[in-house]
């Protein structure tokens, strides 16, 4: 009887069991990101992860395997790599160098981008006297998706060669450059992807808005290249929207069904550019 009473008295003082709730979105800042290891690193090739491989919250990502920045020192190089069931996107932020696709070398420079199909060995080298910085994005291809024979030649496109356009269902205060899309698409500069549904640039006019919305079966990442505004990020289909100050270098990852959007400053001359990528999460009933 006394033991029972003692337990009743002590029980309220015991700590409650807790379980960490996975966030619906993540925020990182590129200049503040810490270096981490990766399979392609060398003494002259360093990697700063934002999301995925090398990041503390990598486990919550479903289709994204990595999203970060490589920096190659002058006359440096990265280790050649190939992924059997991953596709990748490279986007040059600054500098010039050589991109090797299989056995083919290709000159690359600022604002060049390219798509890497699974199975192709590739690497980047810097043959200049200035650092080369590039974004590296990787995406997992589910085993049930059949992989075709990769294109024998690389396709490299420069951002300046892609036209700006409005996109149906979105405000005209934002112009889009549609860079990479799915293999069955016909609207993007490169339509070759398995999992990536859209890799694009948004050009915001003063007061421009990408209205808050959701993607039921997709993950999305926004990287602010320049400008200032407010990022919309919320808890999903309940419509709750949070707004957070966003500046150049800020990156946001959004889980499926998370609220996503952006509000540019509403004052004269306030431009903003966001590089974004969206990759699909197959639903259980989805044959893909």
Protein backbone atom coordinates (compact mmCIF):
# COMPACT_ATOMS: atom_id res chain seq x y z
CA UNK A 1 0.00 0.00 0.00
CA UNK A 2 2.80 2.41 0.98
CA UNK A 3 4.74 1.52 -2.20
CA UNK A 4 1.68 2.22 -4.31
CA UNK A 5 1.17 5.61 -2.70
CA UNK A 6 4.83 6.46 -3.19
CA UNK A 7 4.64 5.66 -6.91
CA UNK A 8 1.55 7.84 -7.29
CA UNK A 9 3.38 10.72 -5.63
CA UNK A 10 6.54 10.29 -7.73
CA UNK A 11 4.82 9.67 -11.09
CA UNK A 12 3.95 13.34 -11.77
CA UNK A 13 7.62 14.18 -11.33
CA UNK A 14 8.82 11.67 -13.94
CA UNK A 15 9.81 13.21 -17.29
CA UNK A 16 7.28 12.70 -20.09
CA UNK A 17 8.34 10.59 -23.03
CA UNK A 18 9.19 12.72 -26.05
CA UNK A 19 9.65 12.08 -29.73
CA UNK A 20 11.22 14.58 -32.10
CA UNK A 21 8.87 15.88 -34.77
CA UNK A 22 10.41 16.12 -38.23
CA UNK A 23 10.17 19.69 -39.55
CA UNK A 24 8.06 20.37 -42.61
CA UNK A 25 10.71 22.74 -43.96
CA UNK A 26 14.39 23.53 -43.44
CA UNK A 27 16.31 26.79 -43.71
CA UNK A 28 20.01 27.06 -44.50
CA UNK A 29 22.32 29.89 -45.57
CA UNK A 30 25.00 29.17 -48.17
CA UNK A 31 27.73 31.55 -46.88
CA UNK A 32 27.30 30.08 -43.37
CA UNK A 33 27.24 26.41 -44.43
CA UNK A 34 30.02 24.19 -43.06
CA UNK A 35 32.16 21.92 -45.21
CA UNK A 36 31.44 18.18 -45.15
CA UNK A 37 32.69 15.02 -46.78
CA UNK A 38 31.49 13.61 -50.10
CA UNK A 39 32.65 10.93 -52.52
CA UNK A 40 33.91 13.45 -55.11
CA UNK A 41 36.16 15.49 -52.81
CA UNK A 42 39.90 16.03 -53.19
CA UNK A 43 42.40 18.37 -51.53
CA UNK A 44 41.38 21.03 -54.07
CA UNK A 45 37.64 20.27 -54.26
CA UNK A 46 35.52 21.12 -51.22
CA UNK A 47 31.81 20.68 -50.56
CA UNK A 48 29.33 22.69 -48.45
CA UNK A 49 26.03 20.81 -48.07
CA UNK A 50 22.77 22.67 -47.67
CA UNK A 51 20.40 19.71 -47.74
CA UNK A 52 20.83 15.94 -47.96
CA UNK A 53 24.22 14.24 -47.77
CA UNK A 54 26.38 15.91 -45.12
CA UNK A 55 23.53 17.85 -43.48
CA UNK A 56 22.20 17.10 -39.98
CA UNK A 57 18.60 16.66 -41.21
CA UNK A 58 19.41 14.50 -44.24
CA UNK A 59 17.16 11.67 -43.04
CA UNK A 60 13.91 13.56 -43.68
CA UNK A 61 14.59 14.01 -47.41
CA UNK A 62 12.94 11.43 -49.65
CA UNK A 63 13.98 12.04 -53.27
CA UNK A 64 16.80 14.55 -52.76
CA UNK A 65 20.16 12.93 -52.08
CA UNK A 66 22.24 16.14 -51.98
CA UNK A 67 22.01 19.87 -52.60
CA UNK A 68 25.07 21.99 -51.97
CA UNK A 69 28.03 23.90 -53.35
CA UNK A 70 31.39 22.67 -54.52
CA UNK A 71 34.35 25.03 -54.62
CA UNK A 72 37.36 24.07 -56.69
CA UNK A 73 40.63 25.85 -56.07
CA UNK A 74 42.61 27.31 -59.00
CA UNK A 75 44.00 24.45 -61.10
CA UNK A 76 42.18 21.97 -58.85
CA UNK A 77 39.76 19.15 -59.65
CA UNK A 78 37.06 16.96 -58.15
CA UNK A 79 37.17 13.17 -58.02
CA UNK A 80 35.26 11.43 -60.87
CA UNK A 81 32.02 9.80 -59.68
CA UNK A 82 29.08 7.87 -61.12
CA UNK A 83 25.77 6.95 -59.52
CA UNK A 84 23.76 3.97 -60.71
CA UNK A 85 20.38 5.23 -59.53
CA UNK A 86 20.80 8.97 -59.14
CA UNK A 87 20.45 11.86 -61.54
CA UNK A 88 22.28 15.13 -60.98
CA UNK A 89 22.17 18.78 -61.96
CA UNK A 90 25.21 21.06 -62.00
CA UNK A 91 24.86 24.86 -62.09
CA UNK A 92 27.96 27.09 -62.24
CA UNK A 93 27.71 30.04 -59.86
CA UNK A 94 31.09 31.60 -60.60
CA UNK A 95 34.27 30.87 -62.51
CA UNK A 96 35.28 28.77 -65.50
CA UNK A 97 36.49 25.23 -65.83
CA UNK A 98 36.16 21.88 -67.57
CA UNK A 99 33.29 19.48 -67.08
CA UNK A 100 34.03 15.89 -68.03
CA UNK A 101 31.08 13.75 -69.15
CA UNK A 102 32.36 10.23 -69.57
CA UNK A 103 35.46 10.74 -71.70
CA UNK A 104 34.29 14.06 -73.16
CA UNK A 105 35.70 17.36 -71.81
CA UNK A 106 33.46 20.43 -72.07
CA UNK A 107 34.27 24.04 -71.21
CA UNK A 108 31.92 25.51 -68.60
CA UNK A 109 31.45 28.99 -67.22
CA UNK A 110 29.23 31.15 -65.04
CA UNK A 111 25.48 30.38 -65.33
CA UNK A 112 26.05 27.20 -67.33
CA UNK A 113 23.94 24.22 -66.27
CA UNK A 114 23.79 20.57 -67.28
CA UNK A 115 21.94 17.36 -66.51
CA UNK A 116 23.71 14.13 -65.50
CA UNK A 117 21.81 10.87 -66.13
CA UNK A 118 22.46 7.87 -63.86
CA UNK A 119 25.47 5.72 -64.66
CA UNK A 120 27.62 8.37 -66.36
CA UNK A 121 31.05 9.02 -64.81
CA UNK A 122 31.66 12.75 -64.49
CA UNK A 123 33.93 15.28 -62.83
CA UNK A 124 34.75 18.99 -62.76
CA UNK A 125 38.16 20.65 -62.99
CA UNK A 126 39.29 24.25 -62.68
CA UNK A 127 41.96 25.22 -65.19
CA UNK A 128 41.88 28.91 -64.30
CA UNK A 129 43.58 31.08 -61.71
CA UNK A 130 40.31 31.87 -59.86
CA UNK A 131 38.07 29.60 -57.74
CA UNK A 132 35.19 27.79 -59.43
CA UNK A 133 31.89 27.52 -57.53
CA UNK A 134 28.99 25.34 -58.63
CA UNK A 135 25.78 23.95 -57.22
CA UNK A 136 25.46 20.17 -57.18
CA UNK A 137 22.00 18.60 -56.92
CA UNK A 138 21.37 14.86 -56.71
CA UNK A 139 18.08 12.94 -56.79
CA UNK A 140 17.31 9.28 -56.06
CA UNK A 141 15.59 7.22 -58.76
CA UNK A 142 13.26 4.52 -57.32
CA UNK A 143 14.04 0.93 -58.28
CA UNK A 144 10.69 0.53 -60.06
CA UNK A 145 11.59 3.21 -62.62
CA UNK A 146 13.33 1.79 -65.70
CA UNK A 147 16.52 3.61 -66.68
CA UNK A 148 17.31 4.14 -70.34
CA UNK A 149 20.72 4.16 -71.98
CA UNK A 150 22.23 7.58 -71.19
CA UNK A 151 22.86 10.15 -73.87
CA UNK A 152 26.46 9.66 -75.11
CA UNK A 153 27.06 13.41 -75.19
CA UNK A 154 26.58 16.12 -72.58
CA UNK A 155 24.20 19.00 -73.14
CA UNK A 156 25.32 22.25 -71.55
CA UNK A 157 23.12 25.35 -71.67
CA UNK A 158 23.74 28.89 -70.41
CA UNK A 159 21.08 30.70 -68.41
CA UNK A 160 21.28 33.71 -70.73
CA UNK A 161 20.18 31.54 -73.65
CA UNK A 162 16.88 30.56 -72.00
CA UNK A 163 13.96 32.91 -72.58
CA UNK A 164 11.92 34.39 -69.75
CA UNK A 165 8.20 33.68 -69.76
CA UNK A 166 5.11 33.70 -67.62
CA UNK A 167 3.68 30.40 -66.42
CA UNK A 168 -0.04 29.67 -66.36
CA UNK A 169 -1.63 29.86 -62.91
CA UNK A 170 1.14 32.09 -61.56
CA UNK A 171 1.19 35.92 -61.22
CA UNK A 172 2.60 37.87 -64.14
CA UNK A 173 4.85 39.73 -61.69
CA UNK A 174 7.19 36.73 -61.85
CA UNK A 175 9.00 35.62 -65.00
CA UNK A 176 10.35 32.09 -65.29
CA UNK A 177 13.25 30.45 -67.05
CA UNK A 178 12.42 26.75 -67.43
CA UNK A 179 15.77 24.97 -67.34
CA UNK A 180 15.32 21.21 -66.82
CA UNK A 181 12.21 19.04 -66.84
CA UNK A 182 11.00 15.44 -67.27
CA UNK A 183 11.90 13.25 -70.25
CA UNK A 184 8.36 13.41 -71.64
CA UNK A 185 8.24 17.20 -71.43
CA UNK A 186 8.66 19.74 -74.21
CA UNK A 187 8.85 23.10 -72.48
CA UNK A 188 12.25 23.15 -70.77
CA UNK A 189 15.73 23.85 -72.13
CA UNK A 190 16.65 20.26 -71.19
CA UNK A 191 13.84 17.68 -70.90
CA UNK A 192 15.70 14.59 -69.72
CA UNK A 193 14.96 13.94 -66.03
CA UNK A 194 13.46 10.90 -64.30
CA UNK A 195 12.60 12.37 -60.88
CA UNK A 196 13.12 16.11 -61.31
CA UNK A 197 9.87 17.68 -62.48
CA UNK A 198 11.22 21.22 -62.79
CA UNK A 199 14.47 23.12 -62.35
CA UNK A 200 13.82 26.81 -62.95
CA UNK A 201 14.75 30.43 -62.26
CA UNK A 202 12.23 32.96 -60.96
CA UNK A 203 12.71 36.66 -61.74
CA UNK A 204 10.60 38.78 -59.38
CA UNK A 205 9.49 42.31 -60.26
CA UNK A 206 9.13 44.81 -57.40
CA UNK A 207 6.20 43.54 -55.34
CA UNK A 208 6.23 40.26 -57.28
CA UNK A 209 4.75 37.20 -55.63
CA UNK A 210 4.93 33.47 -56.04
CA UNK A 211 1.63 32.77 -54.27
CA UNK A 212 1.83 30.25 -51.40
CA UNK A 213 0.88 26.78 -52.61
CA UNK A 214 1.47 23.07 -51.97
CA UNK A 215 2.81 20.09 -53.89
CA UNK A 216 1.22 16.88 -52.68
CA UNK A 217 3.82 14.54 -54.16
CA UNK A 218 6.99 16.62 -54.47
CA UNK A 219 9.89 18.08 -52.53
CA UNK A 220 11.10 21.56 -53.45
CA UNK A 221 14.16 23.69 -52.76
CA UNK A 222 14.47 27.48 -53.19
CA UNK A 223 17.84 29.25 -53.24
CA UNK A 224 17.79 33.07 -53.22
CA UNK A 225 20.47 34.24 -55.66
CA UNK A 226 19.93 37.96 -55.07
CA UNK A 227 17.42 40.38 -53.60
CA UNK A 228 15.42 40.44 -50.38
CA UNK A 229 11.90 39.46 -49.48
CA UNK A 230 9.79 37.09 -47.41
CA UNK A 231 9.77 33.33 -47.83
CA UNK A 232 6.46 31.60 -47.21
CA UNK A 233 6.86 28.29 -45.41
CA UNK A 234 4.15 26.58 -43.42
CA UNK A 235 2.71 23.36 -42.16
CA UNK A 236 0.89 22.11 -45.23
CA UNK A 237 -2.68 21.48 -46.26
CA UNK A 238 -4.18 23.22 -43.23
CA UNK A 239 -3.24 26.46 -45.01
CA UNK A 240 -1.06 27.85 -42.23
CA UNK A 241 1.50 30.22 -43.74
CA UNK A 242 4.55 31.59 -42.00
CA UNK A 243 6.63 34.40 -43.47
CA UNK A 244 10.36 34.64 -42.89
CA UNK A 245 12.91 37.27 -44.02
CA UNK A 246 14.93 35.97 -46.95
CA UNK A 247 18.11 37.36 -48.48
CA UNK A 248 20.77 36.29 -50.98
CA UNK A 249 22.25 32.94 -49.98
CA UNK A 250 19.20 31.74 -48.06
CA UNK A 251 17.99 28.27 -49.04
CA UNK A 252 14.74 26.56 -48.08
CA UNK A 253 13.75 22.93 -48.37
CA UNK A 254 10.02 22.10 -48.41
CA UNK A 255 8.61 18.65 -47.69
CA UNK A 256 5.56 17.35 -49.64
CA UNK A 257 2.41 19.35 -48.82
CA UNK A 258 4.39 22.11 -47.12
CA UNK A 259 3.34 25.68 -47.85
CA UNK A 260 5.83 27.31 -50.24
CA UNK A 261 5.94 30.80 -51.76
CA UNK A 262 7.82 34.11 -51.89
CA UNK A 263 6.98 37.82 -51.58
CA UNK A 264 9.43 40.30 -53.07
CA UNK A 265 9.87 43.78 -51.62
CA UNK A 266 7.30 46.23 -52.95
CA UNK A 267 9.49 49.20 -53.73
CA UNK A 268 11.04 50.69 -56.85
CA UNK A 269 13.97 48.70 -58.24
CA UNK A 270 13.57 45.79 -55.82
CA UNK A 271 14.44 42.80 -57.98
CA UNK A 272 14.95 39.27 -56.71
CA UNK A 273 16.01 36.00 -58.34
CA UNK A 274 15.40 32.51 -56.96
CA UNK A 275 16.78 29.26 -58.33
CA UNK A 276 14.38 26.40 -57.57
CA UNK A 277 14.19 22.67 -58.11
CA UNK A 278 11.27 20.30 -57.59
CA UNK A 279 11.44 16.49 -57.50
CA UNK A 280 8.57 14.07 -57.28
CA UNK A 281 7.68 11.66 -54.49
CA UNK A 282 5.71 8.73 -55.96
CA UNK A 283 2.48 8.08 -54.07
CA UNK A 284 1.61 4.47 -53.23
CA UNK A 285 -0.92 4.29 -56.04
CA UNK A 286 1.42 6.02 -58.50
CA UNK A 287 2.82 3.41 -60.97
CA UNK A 288 6.02 5.49 -61.17
